[in-house]
C-alpha atoms as a PDB file:
ATOM      1  CA  MET A   1     -23.163  15.722   2.894  1.00  0.00           C
ATOM      2  CA  ILE A   2     -20.004  13.902   1.812  1.00  0.00           C
ATOM      3  CA  LYS A   3     -19.390  10.750  -0.185  1.00  0.00           C
ATOM      4  CA  SER A   4     -17.668   7.864   1.546  1.00  0.00           C
ATOM      5  CA  GLY A   5     -16.997   4.262   0.651  1.00  0.00           C
ATOM      6  CA  PHE A   6     -14.578   1.467  -0.126  1.00  0.00           C
ATOM      7  CA  ALA A   7     -12.415   0.967  -3.221  1.00  0.00           C
ATOM      8  CA  ALA A   8     -10.435  -2.217  -3.873  1.00  0.00           C
ATOM      9  CA  LEU A   9      -7.161  -2.174  -5.789  1.00  0.00           C
ATOM     10  CA  ILE A  10      -6.773  -5.480  -7.595  1.00  0.00           C
ATOM     11  CA  GLY A  11      -4.524  -6.848 -10.303  1.00  0.00           C
ATOM     12  CA  ARG A  12      -1.822  -9.335 -11.093  1.00  0.00           C
ATOM     13  CA  PRO A  13       1.387  -9.197  -9.029  1.00  0.00           C
ATOM     14  CA  ASN A  14       3.776  -6.331  -9.751  1.00  0.00           C
ATOM     15  CA  VAL A  15       1.400  -4.017 -11.666  1.00  0.00           C
ATOM     16  CA  GLY A  16       1.941  -1.154  -9.209  1.00  0.00           C
ATOM     17  CA  LYS A  17      -1.020  -1.390  -6.810  1.00  0.00           C
ATOM     18  CA  SER A  18       0.987  -0.495  -3.705  1.00  0.00           C
ATOM     19  CA  THR A  19       2.834   2.325  -5.496  1.00  0.00           C
ATOM     20  CA  LEU A  20      -0.493   3.805  -6.628  1.00  0.00           C
ATOM     21  CA  MET A  21      -2.072   3.563  -3.189  1.00  0.00           C
ATOM     22  CA  ASN A  22       0.953   5.134  -1.473  1.00  0.00           C
ATOM     23  CA  HIS A  23       0.808   8.006  -3.983  1.00  0.00           C
ATOM     24  CA  LEU A  24      -2.949   8.587  -3.617  1.00  0.00           C
ATOM     25  CA  ILE A  25      -2.815   8.890   0.162  1.00  0.00           C
ATOM     26  CA  GLY A  26       0.501  10.750   0.126  1.00  0.00           C
ATOM     27  CA  GLN A  27       2.279   8.418   2.541  1.00  0.00           C
ATOM     28  CA  LYS A  28       4.135   5.129   2.377  1.00  0.00           C
ATOM     29  CA  ILE A  29       2.058   2.396   3.994  1.00  0.00           C
ATOM     30  CA  ALA A  30       2.283  -0.525   1.573  1.00  0.00           C
ATOM     31  CA  ILE A  31       5.724  -1.853   0.718  1.00  0.00           C
ATOM     32  CA  THR A  32       6.890  -1.946  -2.873  1.00  0.00           C
ATOM     33  CA  SER A  33       9.510  -3.905  -4.746  1.00  0.00           C
ATOM     34  CA  ASN A  34      10.189  -5.130  -8.261  1.00  0.00           C
ATOM     35  CA  LYS A  35       9.471  -8.688  -7.138  1.00  0.00           C
ATOM     36  CA  PRO A  36       5.910 -10.034  -7.620  1.00  0.00           C
ATOM     37  CA  GLN A  37       3.554 -10.874  -4.723  1.00  0.00           C
ATOM     38  CA  THR A  38       5.078  -8.256  -2.428  1.00  0.00           C
ATOM     39  CA  THR A  39       1.787  -7.480  -0.668  1.00  0.00           C
ATOM     40  CA  ARG A  40       0.597 -10.469   1.391  1.00  0.00           C
ATOM     41  CA  ASN A  41      -2.227  -9.026   3.472  1.00  0.00           C
ATOM     42  CA  ARG A  42      -5.106  -6.733   2.632  1.00  0.00           C
ATOM     43  CA  ILE A  43      -3.931  -3.242   3.556  1.00  0.00           C
ATOM     44  CA  GLN A  44      -6.490  -0.567   4.348  1.00  0.00           C
ATOM     45  CA  THR A  45      -5.641   3.104   3.823  1.00  0.00           C
ATOM     46  CA  VAL A  46      -7.725   6.263   3.913  1.00  0.00           C
ATOM     47  CA  TYR A  47      -7.912   9.255   1.568  1.00  0.00           C
ATOM     48  CA  THR A  48      -9.894  12.218   2.925  1.00  0.00           C
ATOM     49  CA  SER A  49     -10.742  15.460   1.092  1.00  0.00           C
ATOM     50  CA  GLU A  50     -13.522  18.057   1.037  1.00  0.00           C
ATOM     51  CA  GLU A  51     -15.461  15.796  -1.332  1.00  0.00           C
ATOM     52  CA  GLY A  52     -15.440  12.866   1.075  1.00  0.00           C
ATOM     53  CA  GLN A  53     -13.495   9.790   2.119  1.00  0.00           C
ATOM     54  CA  ILE A  54     -12.209   6.802   0.172  1.00  0.00           C
ATOM     55  CA  VAL A  55     -11.056   3.735   2.083  1.00  0.00           C
ATOM     56  CA  PHE A  56      -8.630   1.938  -0.238  1.00  0.00           C
ATOM     57  CA  LEU A  57      -8.012  -1.786   0.109  1.00  0.00           C
ATOM     58  CA  ASP A  58      -4.722  -2.856  -1.452  1.00  0.00           C
ATOM     59  CA  THR A  59      -4.992  -6.589  -2.046  1.00  0.00           C
ATOM     60  CA  PRO A  60      -2.347  -9.229  -2.765  1.00  0.00           C
ATOM     61  CA  GLY A  61      -1.905  -9.893  -6.472  1.00  0.00           C
ATOM     62  CA  ILE A  62      -4.253 -12.514  -7.919  1.00  0.00           C
ATOM     63  CA  HIS A  63      -2.046 -15.361  -9.136  1.00  0.00           C
ATOM     64  CA  LYS A  64      -1.870 -19.161  -9.335  1.00  0.00           C
ATOM     65  CA  ALA A  65      -1.195 -20.290  -5.771  1.00  0.00           C
ATOM     66  CA  LYS A  66       1.655 -22.742  -5.070  1.00  0.00           C
ATOM     67  CA  ASN A  67       1.308 -23.149  -1.292  1.00  0.00           C
ATOM     68  CA  LYS A  68      -0.965 -22.276   1.647  1.00  0.00           C
ATOM     69  CA  LEU A  69       0.398 -18.722   1.802  1.00  0.00           C
ATOM     70  CA  GLY A  70      -0.456 -18.346  -1.888  1.00  0.00           C
ATOM     71  CA  ASN A  71      -3.982 -19.680  -1.293  1.00  0.00           C
ATOM     72  CA  TYR A  72      -4.388 -17.200   1.559  1.00  0.00           C
ATOM     73  CA  MET A  73      -3.243 -14.275  -0.620  1.00  0.00           C
ATOM     74  CA  VAL A  74      -5.564 -15.159  -3.520  1.00  0.00           C
ATOM     75  CA  GLY A  75      -8.470 -15.704  -1.092  1.00  0.00           C
ATOM     76  CA  VAL A  76      -7.969 -12.246   0.422  1.00  0.00           C
ATOM     77  CA  ALA A  77      -7.965 -10.597  -3.016  1.00  0.00           C
ATOM     78  CA  GLU A  78     -11.035 -12.412  -4.357  1.00  0.00           C
ATOM     79  CA  LYS A  79     -13.096 -11.975  -1.166  1.00  0.00           C
ATOM     80  CA  THR A  80     -12.525  -8.219  -1.287  1.00  0.00           C
ATOM     81  CA  LEU A  81     -14.393  -7.899  -4.614  1.00  0.00           C
ATOM     82  CA  SER A  82     -17.770  -8.449  -2.958  1.00  0.00           C
ATOM     83  CA  GLU A  83     -17.141  -6.084  -0.041  1.00  0.00           C
ATOM     84  CA  VAL A  84     -16.479  -2.758  -1.768  1.00  0.00           C
ATOM     85  CA  ASP A  85     -18.338   0.029  -3.607  1.00  0.00           C
ATOM     86  CA  VAL A  86     -15.958   0.201  -6.561  1.00  0.00           C
ATOM     87  CA  ILE A  87     -13.119  -1.947  -7.932  1.00  0.00           C
ATOM     88  CA  LEU A  88      -9.948  -0.493  -9.446  1.00  0.00           C
ATOM     89  CA  TRP A  89      -8.339  -3.098 -11.692  1.00  0.00           C
ATOM     90  CA  LEU A  90      -4.728  -2.197 -12.483  1.00  0.00           C
ATOM     91  CA  VAL A  91      -3.137  -3.508 -15.660  1.00  0.00           C
ATOM     92  CA  GLU A  92       0.049  -2.737 -17.540  1.00  0.00           C
ATOM     93  CA  PRO A  93      -0.204  -1.046 -20.960  1.00  0.00           C
ATOM     94  CA  SER A  94      -0.463  -3.879 -23.476  1.00  0.00           C
ATOM     95  CA  ASP A  95      -2.750  -5.122 -26.232  1.00  0.00           C
ATOM     96  CA  PHE A  96      -2.148  -8.734 -25.180  1.00  0.00           C
ATOM     97  CA  ILE A  97      -4.479 -10.147 -22.538  1.00  0.00           C
ATOM     98  CA  GLY A  98      -2.816 -13.144 -20.908  1.00  0.00           C
ATOM     99  CA  ALA A  99      -4.209 -16.045 -18.882  1.00  0.00           C
ATOM    100  CA  GLY A 100      -3.730 -14.159 -15.592  1.00  0.00           C
ATOM    101  CA  GLU A 101      -5.790 -11.188 -16.788  1.00  0.00           C
ATOM    102  CA  ARG A 102      -8.469 -13.487 -18.211  1.00  0.00           C
ATOM    103  CA  HIS A 103      -8.760 -15.177 -14.799  1.00  0.00           C
ATOM    104  CA  ILE A 104      -9.371 -11.748 -13.227  1.00  0.00           C
ATOM    105  CA  ILE A 105     -11.991 -10.900 -15.888  1.00  0.00           C
ATOM    106  CA  GLU A 106     -13.849 -14.110 -14.964  1.00  0.00           C
ATOM    107  CA  GLN A 107     -13.799 -13.059 -11.290  1.00  0.00           C
ATOM    108  CA  LEU A 108     -15.073  -9.579 -12.189  1.00  0.00           C
ATOM    109  CA  LYS A 109     -17.966 -11.017 -14.220  1.00  0.00           C
ATOM    110  CA  LYS A 110     -19.269 -12.653 -11.018  1.00  0.00           C
ATOM    111  CA  THR A 111     -19.643  -9.319  -9.223  1.00  0.00           C
ATOM    112  CA  LYS A 112     -22.108  -6.455  -9.736  1.00  0.00           C
ATOM    113  CA  THR A 113     -19.614  -3.910  -8.347  1.00  0.00           C
ATOM    114  CA  PRO A 114     -18.608  -1.137 -10.821  1.00  0.00           C
ATOM    115  CA  VAL A 115     -15.089  -1.693 -12.191  1.00  0.00           C
ATOM    116  CA  ILE A 116     -12.680   1.092 -13.178  1.00  0.00           C
ATOM    117  CA  LEU A 117      -9.891  -0.148 -15.435  1.00  0.00           C
ATOM    118  CA  VAL A 118      -6.654   1.625 -14.482  1.00  0.00           C
ATOM    119  CA  ILE A 119      -3.951   1.313 -17.122  1.00  0.00           C
ATOM    120  CA  ASN A 120      -0.785   1.988 -15.115  1.00  0.00           C
ATOM    121  CA  LYS A 121       2.801   2.747 -16.192  1.00  0.00           C
ATOM    122  CA  ILE A 122       1.734   5.020 -19.081  1.00  0.00           C
ATOM    123  CA  ASP A 123       5.101   6.787 -18.671  1.00  0.00           C
ATOM    124  CA  THR A 124       6.688   3.704 -20.272  1.00  0.00           C
ATOM    125  CA  VAL A 125       4.751   3.835 -23.595  1.00  0.00           C
ATOM    126  CA  LYS A 126       3.973   6.295 -26.405  1.00  0.00           C
ATOM    127  CA  ARG A 127       0.676   8.174 -26.142  1.00  0.00           C
ATOM    128  CA  GLU A 128      -0.583   6.982 -29.523  1.00  0.00           C
ATOM    129  CA  GLN A 129      -0.331   3.344 -28.359  1.00  0.00           C
ATOM    130  CA  LEU A 130      -2.724   3.946 -25.457  1.00  0.00           C
ATOM    131  CA  LEU A 131      -5.881   4.007 -27.587  1.00  0.00           C
ATOM    132  CA  SER A 132      -5.074   0.530 -28.889  1.00  0.00           C
ATOM    133  CA  TYR A 133      -4.606  -0.801 -25.325  1.00  0.00           C
ATOM    134  CA  ILE A 134      -7.858   0.816 -24.143  1.00  0.00           C
ATOM    135  CA  ASP A 135      -9.702  -0.681 -27.111  1.00  0.00           C
ATOM    136  CA  THR A 136      -8.312  -4.169 -26.404  1.00  0.00           C
ATOM    137  CA  TYR A 137      -9.644  -4.200 -22.836  1.00  0.00           C
ATOM    138  CA  ARG A 138     -12.921  -2.437 -23.657  1.00  0.00           C
ATOM    139  CA  LYS A 139     -13.917  -5.404 -25.851  1.00  0.00           C
ATOM    140  CA  GLU A 140     -13.487  -7.847 -22.951  1.00  0.00           C
ATOM    141  CA  PHE A 141     -15.569  -6.233 -20.180  1.00  0.00           C
ATOM    142  CA  ASP A 142     -18.098  -3.452 -19.614  1.00  0.00           C
ATOM    143  CA  PHE A 143     -15.977  -1.092 -17.504  1.00  0.00           C
ATOM    144  CA  ALA A 144     -17.558   1.826 -15.655  1.00  0.00           C
ATOM    145  CA  GLU A 145     -14.511   3.951 -16.571  1.00  0.00           C
ATOM    146  CA  ILE A 146     -11.058   3.504 -18.117  1.00  0.00           C
ATOM    147  CA  VAL A 147      -8.336   5.743 -16.658  1.00  0.00           C
ATOM    148  CA  PRO A 148      -4.675   5.712 -17.805  1.00  0.00           C
ATOM    149  CA  VAL A 149      -2.212   6.724 -15.040  1.00  0.00           C
ATOM    150  CA  SER A 150       1.417   6.653 -13.980  1.00  0.00           C
ATOM    151  CA  ALA A 151       1.479   5.708 -10.293  1.00  0.00           C
ATOM    152  CA  LEU A 152       5.223   6.310 -10.173  1.00  0.00           C
ATOM    153  CA  LYS A 153       5.000   9.872 -11.512  1.00  0.00           C
ATOM    154  CA  GLY A 154       1.530  10.714 -10.167  1.00  0.00           C
ATOM    155  CA  GLU A 155       0.234  11.361 -13.694  1.00  0.00           C
ATOM    156  CA  ASN A 156      -3.590  11.542 -14.011  1.00  0.00           C
ATOM    157  CA  THR A 157      -4.102  10.294 -10.437  1.00  0.00           C
ATOM    158  CA  GLY A 158      -6.288  13.319  -9.620  1.00  0.00           C
ATOM    159  CA  GLU A 159      -8.646  12.274 -12.410  1.00  0.00           C
ATOM    160  CA  LEU A 160      -8.714   8.755 -10.990  1.00  0.00           C
ATOM    161  CA  LEU A 161      -9.795  10.055  -7.563  1.00  0.00           C
ATOM    162  CA  LYS A 162     -12.657  12.010  -9.212  1.00  0.00           C
ATOM    163  CA  CYS A 163     -13.784   8.817 -10.969  1.00  0.00           C
ATOM    164  CA  VAL A 164     -13.753   6.820  -7.712  1.00  0.00           C
ATOM    165  CA  PHE A 165     -15.911   9.427  -5.930  1.00  0.00           C
ATOM    166  CA  ARG A 166     -18.544   9.142  -8.693  1.00  0.00           C
ATOM    167  CA  TYR A 167     -19.319   5.584  -7.596  1.00  0.00           C
ATOM    168  CA  LEU A 168     -19.372   6.096  -3.834  1.00  0.00           C
ATOM    169  CA  PRO A 169     -22.596   6.548  -1.835  1.00  0.00           C
ATOM    170  CA  TYR A 170     -23.307   9.588   0.330  1.00  0.00           C
ATOM    171  CA  GLY A 171     -22.694   8.945   3.991  1.00  0.00           C
ATOM    172  CA  PRO A 172     -20.578   9.716   7.058  1.00  0.00           C
ATOM    173  CA  ALA A 173     -16.787   9.379   7.121  1.00  0.00           C
ATOM    174  CA  PHE A 174     -15.520   6.048   8.465  1.00  0.00           C
ATOM    175  CA  TYR A 175     -12.336   7.524   9.974  1.00  0.00           C
ATOM    176  CA  ASP A 176     -11.033  10.810  11.409  1.00  0.00           C
ATOM    177  CA  GLU A 177      -9.593  13.074   8.724  1.00  0.00           C
ATOM    178  CA  ASP A 178      -6.014  12.550   9.980  1.00  0.00           C
ATOM    179  CA  THR A 179      -6.197   8.738   9.771  1.00  0.00           C
ATOM    180  CA  VAL A 180      -4.246   7.228   6.874  1.00  0.00           C
ATOM    181  CA  THR A 181      -4.322   3.524   7.746  1.00  0.00           C
ATOM    182  CA  ASP A 182      -5.833   0.950  10.090  1.00  0.00           C
ATOM    183  CA  GLN A 183      -2.595  -1.071  10.047  1.00  0.00           C
ATOM    184  CA  PRO A 184      -1.021  -1.527  13.503  1.00  0.00           C
ATOM    185  CA  ALA A 185       2.417   0.109  13.795  1.00  0.00           C
ATOM    186  CA  ARG A 186       4.022  -3.304  14.477  1.00  0.00           C
ATOM    187  CA  GLN A 187       2.702  -4.650  11.183  1.00  0.00           C
ATOM    188  CA  ILE A 188       3.952  -1.663   9.165  1.00  0.00           C
ATOM    189  CA  VAL A 189       7.383  -1.943  10.835  1.00  0.00           C
ATOM    190  CA  ALA A 190       7.543  -5.657   9.975  1.00  0.00           C
ATOM    191  CA  GLU A 191       6.581  -4.913   6.375  1.00  0.00           C
ATOM    192  CA  LEU A 192       9.180  -2.135   6.005  1.00  0.00           C
ATOM    193  CA  ILE A 193      11.896  -4.553   7.163  1.00  0.00           C
ATOM    194  CA  ARG A 194      10.579  -7.229   4.774  1.00  0.00           C
ATOM    195  CA  GLU A 195      10.627  -4.707   1.921  1.00  0.00           C
ATOM    196  CA  LYS A 196      14.343  -4.085   2.414  1.00  0.00           C
ATOM    197  CA  ALA A 197      14.988  -7.835   2.506  1.00  0.00           C
ATOM    198  CA  LEU A 198      13.023  -8.225  -0.739  1.00  0.00           C
ATOM    199  CA  ARG A 199      15.103  -5.555  -2.424  1.00  0.00           C
ATOM    200  CA  LEU A 200      18.503  -6.689  -1.187  1.00  0.00           C
ATOM    201  CA  LEU A 201      18.352 -10.478  -1.239  1.00  0.00           C
ATOM    202  CA  GLU A 202      18.905 -12.921  -4.064  1.00  0.00           C
ATOM    203  CA  ASP A 203      15.907 -13.913  -6.194  1.00  0.00           C
ATOM    204  CA  GLU A 204      15.246 -17.352  -4.710  1.00  0.00           C
ATOM    205  CA  ILE A 205      15.028 -16.184  -1.099  1.00  0.00           C
ATOM    206  CA  PRO A 206      12.465 -13.344  -0.703  1.00  0.00           C
ATOM    207  CA  HIS A 207       9.236 -15.337  -1.041  1.00  0.00           C
ATOM    208  CA  GLY A 208      10.377 -17.530   1.834  1.00  0.00           C
ATOM    209  CA  VAL A 209      10.950 -14.540   4.123  1.00  0.00           C
ATOM    210  CA  ALA A 210       8.649 -13.247   6.856  1.00  0.00           C
ATOM    211  CA  VAL A 211       9.340 -10.743   9.628  1.00  0.00           C
ATOM    212  CA  SER A 212       8.140 -11.110  13.198  1.00  0.00           C
ATOM    213  CA  ILE A 213       8.308  -8.163  15.640  1.00  0.00           C
ATOM    214  CA  GLU A 214       9.383  -9.629  18.989  1.00  0.00           C
ATOM    215  CA  SER A 215       9.129  -6.372  20.954  1.00  0.00           C
ATOM    216  CA  MET A 216       8.574  -2.616  20.543  1.00  0.00           C
ATOM    217  CA  ARG A 217       9.423  -0.560  23.623  1.00  0.00           C
ATOM    218  CA  PHE A 218       8.571   3.151  23.446  1.00  0.00           C
ATOM    219  CA  LYS A 219      10.751   5.485  25.515  1.00  0.00           C
ATOM    220  CA  LYS A 220      10.728   9.296  25.567  1.00  0.00           C
ATOM    221  CA  GLN A 221      13.045   9.882  22.614  1.00  0.00           C
ATOM    222  CA  ILE A 222      13.657   6.396  21.238  1.00  0.00           C
ATOM    223  CA  VAL A 223      11.867   3.159  20.301  1.00  0.00           C
ATOM    224  CA  ASP A 224      13.682  -0.131  20.909  1.00  0.00           C
ATOM    225  CA  ILE A 225      12.584  -2.709  18.315  1.00  0.00           C
ATOM    226  CA  GLU A 226      13.611  -6.348  18.209  1.00  0.00           C
ATOM    227  CA  ALA A 227      12.612  -8.220  15.055  1.00  0.00           C
ATOM    228  CA  THR A 228      13.280 -11.654  13.606  1.00  0.00           C
ATOM    229  CA  VAL A 229      13.651 -12.361   9.900  1.00  0.00           C
ATOM    230  CA  ILE A 230      12.207 -15.837   9.275  1.00  0.00           C
ATOM    231  CA  CYS A 231      13.477 -17.973   6.396  1.00  0.00           C
ATOM    232  CA  GLU A 232      12.816 -21.519   5.241  1.00  0.00           C
ATOM    233  CA  ARG A 233      16.315 -22.973   4.843  1.00  0.00           C
ATOM    234  CA  GLU A 234      19.599 -23.005   6.748  1.00  0.00           C
ATOM    235  CA  SER A 235      21.425 -21.996   3.533  1.00  0.00           C
ATOM    236  CA  HIS A 236      19.176 -18.929   3.253  1.00  0.00           C
ATOM    237  CA  LYS A 237      19.986 -17.919   6.829  1.00  0.00           C
ATOM    238  CA  GLY A 238      23.668 -17.503   5.954  1.00  0.00           C
ATOM    239  CA  ILE A 239      22.831 -15.350   2.918  1.00  0.00           C
ATOM    240  CA  ILE A 240      20.466 -13.121   4.938  1.00  0.00           C
ATOM    241  CA  ILE A 241      23.092 -12.624   7.661  1.00  0.00           C
ATOM    242  CA  GLY A 242      25.892 -12.075   5.119  1.00  0.00           C
ATOM    243  CA  LYS A 243      29.631 -12.079   5.701  1.00  0.00           C
ATOM    244  CA  GLY A 244      30.280 -10.796   9.206  1.00  0.00           C
ATOM    245  CA  GLY A 245      26.598  -9.819   9.493  1.00  0.00           C
ATOM    246  CA  SER A 246      26.932  -7.357   6.569  1.00  0.00           C
ATOM    247  CA  MET A 247      23.616  -8.151   4.815  1.00  0.00           C
ATOM    248  CA  LEU A 248      21.562  -8.057   8.021  1.00  0.00           C
ATOM    249  CA  LYS A 249      23.153  -4.707   8.901  1.00  0.00           C
ATOM    250  CA  LYS A 250      22.295  -3.410   5.432  1.00  0.00           C
ATOM    251  CA  ILE A 251      18.640  -4.504   5.777  1.00  0.00           C
ATOM    252  CA  GLY A 252      18.465  -2.801   9.180  1.00  0.00           C
ATOM    253  CA  SER A 253      20.181   0.415   8.097  1.00  0.00           C
ATOM    254  CA  GLN A 254      17.854   0.797   5.090  1.00  0.00           C
ATOM    255  CA  ALA A 255      14.691   0.056   7.107  1.00  0.00           C
ATOM    256  CA  ARG A 256      15.527   2.259  10.110  1.00  0.00           C
ATOM    257  CA  PRO A 257      15.084   5.741   8.508  1.00  0.00           C
ATOM    258  CA  GLU A 258      11.625   4.854   7.143  1.00  0.00           C
ATOM    259  CA  ILE A 259      10.544   3.390  10.492  1.00  0.00           C
ATOM    260  CA  GLU A 260      11.781   6.565  12.202  1.00  0.00           C
ATOM    261  CA  ASP A 261       9.791   8.713   9.748  1.00  0.00           C
ATOM    262  CA  MET A 262       6.645   6.711  10.448  1.00  0.00           C
ATOM    263  CA  LEU A 263       6.995   6.605  14.252  1.00  0.00           C
ATOM    264  CA  GLU A 264       8.451  10.150  14.440  1.00  0.00           C
ATOM    265  CA  LYS A 265      11.058   8.931  16.941  1.00  0.00           C
ATOM    266  CA  GLN A 266      14.608   7.628  16.902  1.00  0.00           C
ATOM    267  CA  VAL A 267      14.744   3.859  16.493  1.00  0.00           C
ATOM    268  CA  ASN A 268      17.167   1.313  17.897  1.00  0.00           C
ATOM    269  CA  LEU A 269      16.584  -1.699  15.623  1.00  0.00           C
ATOM    270  CA  GLN A 270      17.937  -5.167  16.472  1.00  0.00           C
ATOM    271  CA  LEU A 271      17.517  -7.875  13.829  1.00  0.00           C
ATOM    272  CA  TRP A 272      17.873 -11.653  14.194  1.00  0.00           C
ATOM    273  CA  VAL A 273      17.432 -14.521  11.729  1.00  0.00           C
ATOM    274  CA  LYS A 274      15.642 -17.831  12.375  1.00  0.00           C
ATOM    275  CA  VAL A 275      14.913 -20.856  10.184  1.00  0.00           C
ATOM    276  CA  LYS A 276      11.328 -22.172  10.152  1.00  0.00           C
ATOM    277  CA  LYS A 277      11.261 -24.932   7.566  1.00  0.00           C
ATOM    278  CA  ASP A 278       8.392 -24.700   5.039  1.00  0.00           C
ATOM    279  CA  TRP A 279       6.546 -22.078   7.114  1.00  0.00           C
ATOM    280  CA  ARG A 280       4.490 -21.052   4.060  1.00  0.00           C
ATOM    281  CA  ASP A 281       2.693 -24.420   4.235  1.00  0.00           C
ATOM    282  CA  SER A 282       2.168 -24.416   8.020  1.00  0.00           C
ATOM    283  CA  ASP A 283      -1.262 -23.246   9.233  1.00  0.00           C
ATOM    284  CA  LEU A 284       0.135 -22.489  12.691  1.00  0.00           C
ATOM    285  CA  LEU A 285       3.101 -20.436  11.460  1.00  0.00           C
ATOM    286  CA  LEU A 286       0.995 -18.573   8.884  1.00  0.00           C
ATOM    287  CA  LYS A 287      -1.340 -17.574  11.711  1.00  0.00           C
ATOM    288  CA  ASN A 288       1.597 -16.562  13.917  1.00  0.00           C
ATOM    289  CA  PHE A 289       2.905 -14.266  11.177  1.00  0.00           C
ATOM    290  CA  GLY A 290      -0.494 -12.594  10.748  1.00  0.00           C
ATOM    291  CA  TYR A 291      -1.958 -14.491   7.789  1.00  0.00           C
ATOM    292  CA  ASN A 292      -5.341 -15.756   9.005  1.00  0.00           C
ATOM    293  CA  GLU A 293      -7.236 -18.145   6.728  1.00  0.00           C
ATOM    294  CA  LYS A 294     -10.583 -16.872   8.042  1.00  0.00           C
ATOM    295  CA  ASP A 295      -9.678 -13.355   6.858  1.00  0.00           C
ATOM    296  CA  ALA A 296      -9.070 -14.720   3.385  1.00  0.00           C
ATOM    297  CA  ARG A 297     -11.997 -17.045   2.992  1.00  0.00           C
ATOM    298  CA  GLY A 298     -14.565 -15.200   5.082  1.00  0.00           C
END
């Protein structure tokens, strides 16, 4: 008999949730960047071992929403708390608990789900400081476990997996052992392109960027992909395209190898840019780009 269940990864933007999940399952599914609020949808990935199966849900960072997209992202994260067997709350190593963390603590107090505090980025601090950080958080909430890790370096992540299994029920596996995600290929491709845009573009642009896959045509040796990068302003369009199309080419050339790795085929990637003014506050456009309010609010 194996253990199987669901574990949510929650935390403020940019604490390393996607990096940790990618490391745990051994494959890149969630995009990462040094800009906050990178993850917009709930991403489901699967870790399978002899002990059992963990279905990880990587949620958008819980933050103060500024538009309908922000409301959607926060709704997805908070709804997930009531749907899982265990919650992994990622924080950065610090003995200061800010307003954002306190908001998350209030959300956690409303649930009966066991919470594992994961102090990430321990490679950035001295070991002797860790006890102080653990003590600070222990006073605020009755955690089931506290596990320090480095998602980037894979430090102590094996111990974290053991802790997660402790809180899962016995039961059948939800997925075949070779399944690593329930994300459609089109969605992962769109996210990989968006990741490169996030990394390459100027600070004011990325949050107003979405990627829409217009077509994916599979041939014997090659996949033809046409995708559109959506932005909110005409001035942003010029920056995304770049001089003589240089920036768009750069986004495409950085995304292509990772898409090829995922699809295990050669990829012919064509990118276009369109302006959709204030799309982050449009219910119709949010739905078109895969952000459904009903998914967030239940």
